Amino acid sequence: MQLFHTSNRLSATFDDTNLVSAAGLIPALALAVKTGLGELADARLSLPGYFGANAGLKVTALVAGMLAGADSIDDMALLRHGGMKKLFIGTYAPSTLGSFLRAFTFGHVRQLDAVACRWLVNLAAHTPIVAGIDDYALIDIDDTIKEVHGYQKQGSGYGYSGVRGLNALIGIVSTPKAAPIIIGSRLRKGSTGSPRGAGKFVGDTLATVKRLRSTAATGVVLLRADSAFYGHAVVAAANRAGAKVSITARMDPAVKRAIATITADQWTTINYTDAIRDEESGAWISSAEVAEIPFTAFSSRKKSERLEGRLVVRRIPELNQKAGEGQPTLFDTHRFHAFFTTSDLDTVTADQTHRQHAIIEQINADLKDSALAHLPSGVFTANAAWLVLATIAFNLSRAVGSLASTDLGKARSGTIRRKLINIPARISTSARKILLHLPASWPWETGWTAAFAAACGPPQTIPT
């Protein structure tokens, strides 16, 4: 592709007051209104003072900016171009939205969590984002370090990743029919250990899942996590909520003793559909062996706090054998990966299901490629509120995609933004009706029209 005209014949001017660059915000914000996002924020957020006024409009403005690609306060200026004020109210200046975020305290962030939870239930009632949750729900939790720069960021520190940042704890839910959505988030100090507060977080997350399911739901809810969350608080919280668990176990003495009791005839060979990369050796593994054994977790605690389940173990040959004296031991010849589960899945299926926990890494990456590219404030609570708003924007984006088509319902936020949100449109009026003139031959016109019809009703006929 090249220019049709020579560059000296081209000119440009920013003077069109009827042009917008993100016409996809119309069905997205119509869906937000239909599901009561602004109303919930007005009802539940109690920020004091001038900057706390009109909380519903400011929350939806921040979410709208994130949908269109904003990842900082200054980027919210994209809500104030061309004909945006002819389509939306509440197109606040970035400085106003920044002051609104800085007015948050920890209590206000928890109020915003409550807004996000209740709004998600409303959203699920209008879109298929949790289709099949009554039959089978997979819950994944994980934390990630979001790198920040400078010493002015409250709460920043060096965590397990070795970089200076803040720690975001994320919970997602997916089903065999629906792609993951975010059902919980917490921003924590950068130096915070992964399991800190995880028990309370799991309890809150599973309470949201209960709201998303019908009262007659009887399907399994399975919580998956890595070894950082293998602790009594997390497993007990899941057990109290009626959920099964599948959590990677640390190779402590009790787990090693259990593995040593597995006999040679108990191992079942499995072949991976796709080779997986072994993190320690760097080699690609296409086959392994799995076995299981009954296991009592947290046996050092008092009897009432012990939990019965199974230890499912996967082993591969040790490719980095260390030279040593005497006969190699069991743990010198093979590398073992064990997880504790209370599910009823058979051994091979349980292993396959547990390995799919890695899907949460895609959500973490999606957030960091979108609104969480920055934590824009020096104030910790403002950044905590920003994280919650980023999860709302992620879920709203996923909902718009699900209304457009099955494929876009599983797409990354950047793909949905490119195909459905950031579409230029020219505004015209006729008989007191606003008409949007969108690009001819837009490749994703069918999906956009479907999302628009679901959120706003069928498009009006343009007079000829």
Protein backbone atom coordinates (compact mmCIF):
# COMPACT_ATOMS: atom_id res chain seq x y z
CA MET A 1 0.00 0.00 0.00
CA GLN A 2 1.19 3.52 -0.76
CA LEU A 3 -0.21 7.02 -0.93
CA PHE A 4 -2.59 7.65 -3.83
CA HIS A 5 -1.40 11.25 -4.06
CA THR A 6 2.03 12.74 -3.59
CA SER A 7 2.58 14.17 -0.13
CA ASN A 8 2.84 17.77 -1.38
CA ARG A 9 -0.79 17.58 -2.53
CA LEU A 10 -2.08 16.58 0.93
CA SER A 11 -3.09 18.78 3.85
CA ALA A 12 -4.76 18.18 7.22
CA THR A 13 -6.77 20.18 9.70
CA PHE A 14 -8.45 19.25 13.00
CA ASP A 15 -11.75 21.09 12.58
CA ASP A 16 -14.59 18.54 12.32
CA THR A 17 -16.97 18.89 15.26
CA ASN A 18 -19.19 16.04 14.07
CA LEU A 19 -16.55 13.32 13.92
CA VAL A 20 -15.78 10.77 16.66
CA SER A 21 -13.03 8.16 16.71
CA ALA A 22 -14.67 5.58 18.99
CA ALA A 23 -18.24 4.98 17.86
CA GLY A 24 -18.14 1.56 19.53
CA LEU A 25 -18.49 3.34 22.87
CA ILE A 26 -22.17 3.88 22.02
CA PRO A 27 -23.28 0.22 22.32
CA ALA A 28 -20.76 -0.34 25.13
CA LEU A 29 -22.08 2.51 27.29
CA ALA A 30 -25.67 1.68 26.35
CA LEU A 31 -24.99 -1.77 27.78
CA ALA A 32 -23.45 -0.17 30.88
CA VAL A 33 -26.61 1.90 31.36
CA LYS A 34 -28.88 -1.09 30.78
CA THR A 35 -26.99 -3.05 33.46
CA GLY A 36 -27.02 -0.18 35.95
CA LEU A 37 -23.31 0.59 36.30
CA GLY A 38 -23.77 4.31 36.93
CA GLU A 39 -26.77 3.81 39.20
CA LEU A 40 -24.90 1.30 41.36
CA ALA A 41 -21.94 3.66 41.67
CA ASP A 42 -24.24 6.54 42.68
CA ALA A 43 -25.96 4.35 45.25
CA ARG A 44 -22.89 2.72 46.82
CA LEU A 45 -19.99 5.16 46.47
CA SER A 46 -19.95 7.75 49.23
CA LEU A 47 -16.93 9.89 48.32
CA PRO A 48 -17.16 13.24 50.08
CA GLY A 49 -16.67 16.73 48.72
CA TYR A 50 -16.78 18.34 45.33
CA PHE A 51 -14.77 15.69 43.49
CA GLY A 52 -16.90 12.88 44.90
CA ALA A 53 -20.08 14.23 43.28
CA ASN A 54 -21.68 12.47 40.30
CA ALA A 55 -19.78 9.26 41.06
CA GLY A 56 -21.80 7.25 38.54
CA LEU A 57 -20.91 9.51 35.63
CA LYS A 58 -17.25 9.61 36.62
CA VAL A 59 -17.01 5.84 36.99
CA THR A 60 -18.55 5.29 33.56
CA ALA A 61 -16.30 8.00 32.06
CA LEU A 62 -13.19 6.25 33.37
CA VAL A 63 -14.43 2.89 32.12
CA ALA A 64 -15.26 4.39 28.71
CA GLY A 65 -11.78 5.85 28.43
CA MET A 66 -10.26 2.48 29.27
CA LEU A 67 -12.45 0.78 26.67
CA ALA A 68 -11.13 3.19 24.05
CA GLY A 69 -7.52 2.51 25.04
CA ALA A 70 -6.71 4.96 27.84
CA ASP A 71 -4.03 3.68 30.22
CA SER A 72 -3.33 6.93 32.10
CA ILE A 73 -5.24 9.91 33.44
CA ASP A 74 -4.06 12.17 30.60
CA ASP A 75 -5.39 9.66 28.07
CA MET A 76 -8.92 10.37 29.30
CA ALA A 77 -8.78 13.47 27.09
CA LEU A 78 -9.83 11.22 24.20
CA LEU A 79 -13.38 11.48 25.60
CA ARG A 80 -13.45 15.20 24.72
CA HIS A 81 -12.84 15.35 20.98
CA GLY A 82 -15.03 16.07 17.95
CA GLY A 83 -18.68 15.29 18.50
CA MET A 84 -18.32 13.26 21.72
CA LYS A 85 -20.35 15.80 23.70
CA LYS A 86 -23.21 15.36 21.22
CA LEU A 87 -23.31 11.64 22.05
CA PHE A 88 -22.41 11.46 25.75
CA ILE A 89 -22.80 13.39 28.96
CA GLY A 90 -20.10 13.27 31.62
CA THR A 91 -17.12 13.82 29.32
CA TYR A 92 -15.03 15.11 32.21
CA ALA A 93 -11.62 16.69 31.96
CA PRO A 94 -8.74 14.35 32.86
CA SER A 95 -7.84 16.54 35.84
CA THR A 96 -11.35 16.11 37.27
CA LEU A 97 -11.21 12.34 36.89
CA GLY A 98 -7.75 12.28 38.50
CA SER A 99 -9.03 14.25 41.49
CA PHE A 100 -11.97 11.85 41.75
CA LEU A 101 -9.61 8.86 41.96
CA ARG A 102 -7.38 10.54 44.54
CA ALA A 103 -10.43 11.08 46.76
CA PHE A 104 -10.73 7.29 47.28
CA THR A 105 -9.88 5.75 50.63
CA PHE A 106 -9.56 2.03 51.31
CA GLY A 107 -13.23 1.92 52.30
CA HIS A 108 -14.26 3.57 49.05
CA VAL A 109 -12.25 1.01 47.07
CA ARG A 110 -14.19 -1.74 48.84
CA GLN A 111 -17.41 0.08 47.94
CA LEU A 112 -16.27 0.07 44.32
CA ASP A 113 -15.59 -3.68 44.64
CA ALA A 114 -19.22 -4.08 45.71
CA VAL A 115 -20.35 -2.05 42.70
CA ALA A 116 -18.26 -4.22 40.36
CA CYS A 117 -19.69 -7.42 41.85
CA ARG A 118 -23.34 -6.39 41.66
CA TRP A 119 -22.93 -4.89 38.21
CA LEU A 120 -21.33 -8.11 36.95
CA VAL A 121 -24.42 -10.05 38.06
CA ASN A 122 -26.58 -7.62 36.05
CA LEU A 123 -24.25 -7.91 33.05
CA ALA A 124 -24.44 -11.71 33.14
CA ALA A 125 -28.23 -11.46 32.99
CA HIS A 126 -28.07 -9.54 29.70
CA THR A 127 -25.11 -11.20 27.93
CA PRO A 128 -23.73 -14.75 27.61
CA ILE A 129 -20.45 -14.02 29.40
CA VAL A 130 -20.96 -16.83 31.94
CA ALA A 131 -22.92 -19.30 29.84
CA GLY A 132 -22.80 -22.75 31.43
CA ILE A 133 -21.77 -21.53 34.89
CA ASP A 134 -24.59 -23.52 36.54
CA ASP A 135 -23.11 -26.75 35.17
CA TYR A 136 -19.38 -26.21 35.64
CA ALA A 137 -17.35 -23.21 36.81
CA LEU A 138 -13.57 -22.94 36.85
CA ILE A 139 -12.18 -20.32 39.23
CA ASP A 140 -8.54 -19.26 38.95
CA ILE A 141 -6.64 -16.97 41.27
CA ASP A 142 -3.16 -15.56 40.83
CA ASP A 143 -1.19 -12.45 41.57
CA THR A 144 1.05 -10.44 39.30
CA ILE A 145 3.54 -7.65 39.80
CA LYS A 146 2.84 -4.47 37.86
CA GLU A 147 6.13 -2.63 37.48
CA VAL A 148 6.17 1.03 38.47
CA HIS A 149 8.91 3.63 38.37
CA GLY A 150 9.98 6.24 40.87
CA TYR A 151 9.84 6.35 44.63
CA GLN A 152 6.67 8.47 44.76
CA LYS A 153 4.35 5.49 44.27
CA GLN A 154 2.79 4.62 47.61
CA GLY A 155 3.17 0.95 48.47
CA SER A 156 5.65 0.12 45.71
CA GLY A 157 8.38 -2.37 46.54
CA TYR A 158 10.35 -5.33 45.35
CA GLY A 159 8.32 -8.53 45.24
CA TYR A 160 8.99 -12.04 43.99
CA SER A 161 9.60 -10.84 40.42
CA GLY A 162 12.63 -8.78 41.42
CA VAL A 163 11.24 -5.56 39.93
CA ARG A 164 9.83 -2.57 41.74
CA GLY A 165 6.05 -2.58 41.52
CA LEU A 166 2.66 -3.15 43.10
CA ASN A 167 1.01 -6.53 43.57
CA ALA A 168 -2.37 -7.17 41.89
CA LEU A 169 -4.34 -10.21 43.04
CA ILE A 170 -6.81 -11.35 40.37
CA GLY A 171 -9.65 -13.88 40.32
CA ILE A 172 -11.34 -15.09 37.13
CA VAL A 173 -14.15 -17.47 36.22
CA SER A 174 -14.54 -19.43 33.00
CA THR A 175 -16.81 -22.23 31.79
CA PRO A 176 -16.62 -24.75 28.95
CA LYS A 177 -18.91 -22.38 27.00
CA ALA A 178 -17.58 -18.95 28.01
CA ALA A 179 -14.18 -17.27 28.01
CA PRO A 180 -12.76 -15.94 31.31
CA ILE A 181 -14.07 -12.82 32.97
CA ILE A 182 -12.64 -11.12 36.06
CA ILE A 183 -14.66 -11.58 39.24
CA GLY A 184 -12.30 -10.11 41.82
CA SER A 185 -9.22 -7.94 42.23
CA ARG A 186 -7.10 -6.49 45.02
CA LEU A 187 -4.15 -4.14 44.79
CA ARG A 188 -1.49 -4.82 47.40
CA LYS A 189 1.96 -3.54 48.36
CA GLY A 190 4.70 -4.60 45.99
CA SER A 191 6.53 -6.56 48.66
CA THR A 192 3.43 -8.51 49.71
CA GLY A 193 3.69 -12.30 49.64
CA SER A 194 1.25 -14.02 47.30
CA PRO A 195 -0.87 -15.77 49.99
CA ARG A 196 -1.43 -12.70 52.17
CA GLY A 197 -5.17 -12.09 52.41
CA ALA A 198 -5.85 -14.79 49.83
CA GLY A 199 -8.27 -16.67 52.08
CA LYS A 200 -10.56 -13.62 52.40
CA PHE A 201 -10.17 -12.93 48.68
CA VAL A 202 -11.21 -16.49 47.79
CA GLY A 203 -14.25 -16.20 50.05
CA ASP A 204 -15.32 -12.95 48.36
CA THR A 205 -14.66 -14.34 44.89
CA LEU A 206 -16.70 -17.48 45.49
CA ALA A 207 -19.52 -15.36 46.92
CA THR A 208 -19.62 -13.53 43.57
CA VAL A 209 -19.73 -16.86 41.74
CA LYS A 210 -22.69 -17.86 43.90
CA ARG A 211 -24.51 -14.69 42.82
CA LEU A 212 -23.76 -15.45 39.17
CA ARG A 213 -25.25 -18.94 39.42
CA SER A 214 -28.96 -19.67 39.71
CA THR A 215 -30.31 -20.84 43.05
CA ALA A 216 -30.95 -24.28 41.55
CA ALA A 217 -27.40 -24.73 40.24
CA THR A 218 -25.83 -28.06 41.20
CA GLY A 219 -22.75 -28.14 38.97
CA VAL A 220 -19.18 -28.26 40.25
CA VAL A 221 -17.19 -25.15 41.14
CA LEU A 222 -13.44 -25.84 40.96
CA LEU A 223 -10.83 -23.45 42.35
CA ARG A 224 -7.37 -23.64 40.75
CA ALA A 225 -4.19 -21.99 41.97
CA ASP A 226 -0.43 -22.43 42.01
CA SER A 227 1.76 -23.44 44.94
CA ALA A 228 1.96 -19.91 46.34
CA PHE A 229 -1.66 -20.32 47.45
CA TYR A 230 -1.30 -23.82 48.88
CA GLY A 231 -2.31 -23.03 52.43
CA HIS A 232 -5.05 -23.76 54.91
CA ALA A 233 -6.70 -20.35 54.60
CA VAL A 234 -7.33 -20.69 50.85
CA VAL A 235 -8.38 -24.33 50.84
CA ALA A 236 -10.60 -23.90 53.89
CA ALA A 237 -12.30 -20.84 52.36
CA ALA A 238 -13.07 -22.83 49.21
CA ASN A 239 -14.34 -25.76 51.28
CA ARG A 240 -16.67 -23.51 53.28
CA ALA A 241 -18.10 -22.13 50.05
CA GLY A 242 -18.76 -25.62 48.70
CA ALA A 243 -16.08 -25.44 46.00
CA LYS A 244 -13.60 -28.14 45.03
CA VAL A 245 -9.91 -27.27 44.81
CA SER A 246 -7.00 -28.07 42.54
CA ILE A 247 -3.89 -26.39 43.97
CA THR A 248 -0.25 -27.09 43.26
CA ALA A 249 1.42 -28.52 46.36
CA ARG A 250 4.85 -27.45 47.53
CA MET A 251 7.42 -30.23 47.73
CA ASP A 252 7.46 -30.32 51.52
CA PRO A 253 8.42 -33.49 53.47
CA ALA A 254 4.81 -34.71 53.72
CA VAL A 255 4.29 -34.47 49.96
CA LYS A 256 7.61 -36.19 49.25
CA ARG A 257 6.74 -39.02 51.60
CA ALA A 258 3.42 -39.51 49.84
CA ILE A 259 5.05 -39.55 46.40
CA ALA A 260 7.57 -42.16 47.57
CA THR A 261 4.72 -44.59 48.32
CA ILE A 262 3.49 -44.64 44.70
CA THR A 263 4.38 -48.00 43.14
CA ALA A 264 5.65 -48.51 39.59
CA ASP A 265 2.38 -50.01 38.35
CA GLN A 266 0.35 -46.97 39.44
CA TRP A 267 1.86 -44.62 36.85
CA THR A 268 -0.13 -43.93 33.66
CA THR A 269 1.63 -42.58 30.58
CA ILE A 270 0.05 -39.50 29.00
CA ASN A 271 0.94 -37.86 25.70
CA TYR A 272 0.44 -34.13 25.37
CA THR A 273 -1.43 -32.87 22.31
CA ASP A 274 1.10 -30.04 22.21
CA ALA A 275 4.56 -30.18 23.74
CA ILE A 276 5.01 -28.07 26.87
CA ARG A 277 8.19 -26.31 27.91
CA ASP A 278 9.80 -27.43 31.15
CA GLU A 279 10.67 -24.29 33.09
CA GLU A 280 13.75 -25.67 34.82
CA SER A 281 15.46 -27.56 31.99
CA GLY A 282 14.14 -25.48 29.10
CA ALA A 283 13.35 -28.70 27.19
CA TRP A 284 10.10 -29.41 25.38
CA ILE A 285 8.20 -32.31 26.94
CA SER A 286 5.68 -34.30 24.91
CA SER A 287 4.95 -37.14 27.34
CA ALA A 288 4.85 -37.76 31.07
CA GLU A 289 3.35 -40.10 33.64
CA VAL A 290 0.65 -39.39 36.19
CA ALA A 291 -0.53 -41.15 39.32
CA GLU A 292 -2.61 -40.33 42.36
CA ILE A 293 -2.72 -41.25 46.01
CA PRO A 294 -5.07 -40.34 48.89
CA PHE A 295 -3.68 -37.42 50.84
CA THR A 296 -4.53 -35.47 53.98
CA ALA A 297 -3.59 -31.83 53.59
CA PHE A 298 -2.31 -29.81 56.54
CA SER A 299 -1.87 -32.89 58.72
CA SER A 300 0.20 -30.87 61.20
CA ARG A 301 -2.87 -28.83 62.18
CA LYS A 302 -5.52 -29.98 64.61
CA LYS A 303 -7.80 -32.72 63.38
CA SER A 304 -10.78 -30.48 62.61
CA GLU A 305 -8.65 -28.38 60.25
CA ARG A 306 -7.22 -31.25 58.19
CA LEU A 307 -8.67 -31.75 54.72
CA GLU A 308 -8.98 -35.05 52.90
CA GLY A 309 -8.39 -35.30 49.18
CA ARG A 310 -6.02 -36.71 46.61
CA LEU A 311 -2.48 -35.91 45.59
CA VAL A 312 -2.22 -36.09 41.80
CA VAL A 313 1.40 -36.35 40.70
CA ARG A 314 2.93 -35.87 37.28
CA ARG A 315 6.52 -36.97 36.68
CA ILE A 316 9.01 -36.52 33.86
CA PRO A 317 12.59 -37.84 33.62
CA GLU A 318 15.12 -35.54 35.26
CA LEU A 319 17.11 -34.00 32.42
CA ASN A 320 19.44 -32.05 34.69
CA GLN A 321 20.73 -34.92 36.79
CA LYS A 322 23.33 -33.84 39.27
CA ALA A 323 26.44 -35.86 39.81
CA GLY A 324 26.44 -37.50 43.22
CA GLU A 325 27.82 -40.39 45.18
CA GLY A 326 26.01 -43.69 45.44
CA GLN A 327 22.77 -44.81 43.85
CA PRO A 328 20.44 -42.06 42.56
CA THR A 329 17.33 -41.49 44.67
CA LEU A 330 13.77 -41.23 43.42
CA PHE A 331 13.95 -37.45 43.24
CA ASP A 332 17.27 -37.55 41.33
CA THR A 333 15.84 -39.59 38.43
CA HIS A 334 12.51 -37.82 37.96
CA ARG A 335 11.04 -34.39 38.44
CA PHE A 336 7.65 -34.38 40.17
CA HIS A 337 4.81 -31.88 39.96
CA ALA A 338 2.04 -32.54 42.48
CA PHE A 339 -1.24 -30.84 43.18
CA PHE A 340 -3.83 -31.37 45.89
CA THR A 341 -7.40 -31.80 44.71
CA THR A 342 -10.79 -32.58 46.19
CA SER A 343 -12.47 -32.99 42.78
CA ASP A 344 -13.95 -36.23 41.46
CA LEU A 345 -12.15 -36.05 38.10
CA ASP A 346 -10.15 -39.08 37.03
CA THR A 347 -6.37 -38.83 37.27
CA VAL A 348 -5.60 -37.90 33.66
CA THR A 349 -8.50 -35.42 33.37
CA ALA A 350 -7.61 -33.85 36.71
CA ASP A 351 -4.04 -33.28 35.46
CA GLN A 352 -5.24 -31.77 32.18
CA THR A 353 -7.72 -29.52 33.97
CA HIS A 354 -5.14 -28.34 36.49
CA ARG A 355 -2.61 -27.40 33.82
CA GLN A 356 -5.21 -25.15 32.18
CA HIS A 357 -4.88 -22.86 35.20
CA ALA A 358 -2.27 -21.07 33.07
CA ILE A 359 -5.16 -19.31 31.32
CA ILE A 360 -5.07 -16.64 34.02
CA GLU A 361 -1.67 -15.53 32.73
CA GLN A 362 -3.41 -14.46 29.53
CA ILE A 363 -5.79 -12.28 31.55
CA ASN A 364 -2.88 -10.70 33.44
CA ALA A 365 -1.16 -9.99 30.13
CA ASP A 366 -4.38 -8.58 28.65
CA LEU A 367 -4.79 -6.14 31.56
CA LYS A 368 -1.17 -5.01 31.29
CA ASP A 369 -1.65 -4.47 27.56
CA SER A 370 -4.73 -2.34 28.22
CA ALA A 371 -5.78 -0.15 31.14
CA LEU A 372 -3.18 -1.65 33.49
CA ALA A 373 -0.29 -0.62 31.26
CA HIS A 374 0.24 1.97 33.99
CA LEU A 375 -0.82 2.54 37.56
CA PRO A 376 -1.16 6.25 36.93
CA SER A 377 -1.29 7.84 40.39
CA GLY A 378 1.19 8.25 43.19
CA VAL A 379 -1.67 7.54 45.65
CA PHE A 380 -2.12 3.85 46.48
CA THR A 381 -5.90 3.96 46.90
CA ALA A 382 -6.30 5.80 43.57
CA ASN A 383 -4.36 2.99 41.89
CA ALA A 384 -6.46 0.41 43.74
CA ALA A 385 -9.61 2.04 42.36
CA TRP A 386 -7.99 2.16 38.91
CA LEU A 387 -7.44 -1.61 39.07
CA VAL A 388 -11.12 -2.26 39.89
CA LEU A 389 -12.21 0.04 37.05
CA ALA A 390 -9.83 -1.78 34.70
CA THR A 391 -11.54 -5.08 35.56
CA ILE A 392 -14.96 -3.51 34.89
CA ALA A 393 -13.69 -2.28 31.52
CA PHE A 394 -12.31 -5.75 30.73
CA ASN A 395 -15.65 -7.42 31.51
CA LEU A 396 -17.65 -4.81 29.58
CA SER A 397 -15.33 -5.29 26.60
CA ARG A 398 -15.80 -9.06 26.81
CA ALA A 399 -19.59 -8.58 27.00
CA VAL A 400 -19.66 -6.36 23.90
CA GLY A 401 -17.56 -8.95 22.08
CA SER A 402 -19.93 -11.74 23.12
CA LEU A 403 -22.89 -9.80 21.70
CA ALA A 404 -21.03 -9.29 18.41
CA SER A 405 -20.02 -12.89 17.69
CA THR A 406 -18.83 -16.10 19.31
CA ASP A 407 -15.24 -15.49 18.21
CA LEU A 408 -15.10 -11.90 19.49
CA GLY A 409 -16.60 -13.09 22.78
CA LYS A 410 -13.28 -14.88 23.36
CA ALA A 411 -10.99 -12.19 21.93
CA ARG A 412 -8.43 -10.09 23.75
CA SER A 413 -9.38 -6.57 24.79
CA GLY A 414 -7.06 -5.10 22.14
CA THR A 415 -8.80 -7.07 19.39
CA ILE A 416 -12.26 -5.99 20.56
CA ARG A 417 -11.06 -2.41 20.85
CA ARG A 418 -9.65 -2.45 17.31
CA LYS A 419 -12.67 -4.13 15.67
CA LEU A 420 -15.66 -2.89 17.68
CA ILE A 421 -14.77 0.16 19.78
CA ASN A 422 -12.33 2.43 17.93
CA ILE A 423 -14.41 2.93 14.79
CA PRO A 424 -14.59 6.45 13.35
CA ALA A 425 -18.07 7.85 12.70
CA ARG A 426 -19.56 11.09 11.47
CA ILE A 427 -22.64 12.45 13.26
CA SER A 428 -25.59 13.88 11.37
CA THR A 429 -29.12 14.68 12.48
CA SER A 430 -32.44 14.13 10.76
CA ALA A 431 -35.89 14.69 12.24
CA ARG A 432 -34.36 15.05 15.70
CA LYS A 433 -32.61 11.71 15.33
CA ILE A 434 -28.87 11.23 15.49
CA LEU A 435 -27.42 9.22 12.64
CA LEU A 436 -23.95 7.71 12.64
CA HIS A 437 -22.17 7.36 9.34
CA LEU A 438 -19.60 4.56 9.73
CA PRO A 439 -16.89 3.46 7.28
CA ALA A 440 -18.18 1.54 4.27
CA SER A 441 -16.89 -2.02 3.96
CA TRP A 442 -15.84 -2.19 7.62
CA PRO A 443 -14.68 -5.83 7.93
CA TRP A 444 -16.51 -6.37 11.22
CA GLU A 445 -19.72 -4.52 10.35
CA THR A 446 -21.90 -7.56 11.06
CA GLY A 447 -20.54 -7.99 14.58
CA TRP A 448 -20.74 -4.28 15.39
CA THR A 449 -24.33 -4.11 14.15
CA ALA A 450 -25.26 -7.14 16.26
CA ALA A 451 -23.74 -5.58 19.39
CA PHE A 452 -25.43 -2.24 18.64
CA ALA A 453 -28.83 -3.90 18.15
CA ALA A 454 -28.51 -5.87 21.39
CA ALA A 455 -27.52 -2.82 23.44
CA CYS A 456 -29.42 0.01 21.74
CA GLY A 457 -32.11 -1.64 19.67
CA PRO A 458 -32.16 -1.98 15.86
CA PRO A 459 -30.38 0.88 14.06
CA GLN A 460 -32.69 3.56 12.64
CA THR A 461 -33.20 3.62 8.89
CA ILE A 462 -31.31 6.43 7.23
CA PRO A 463 -33.56 8.53 4.96
CA THR A 464 -32.62 8.58 1.31
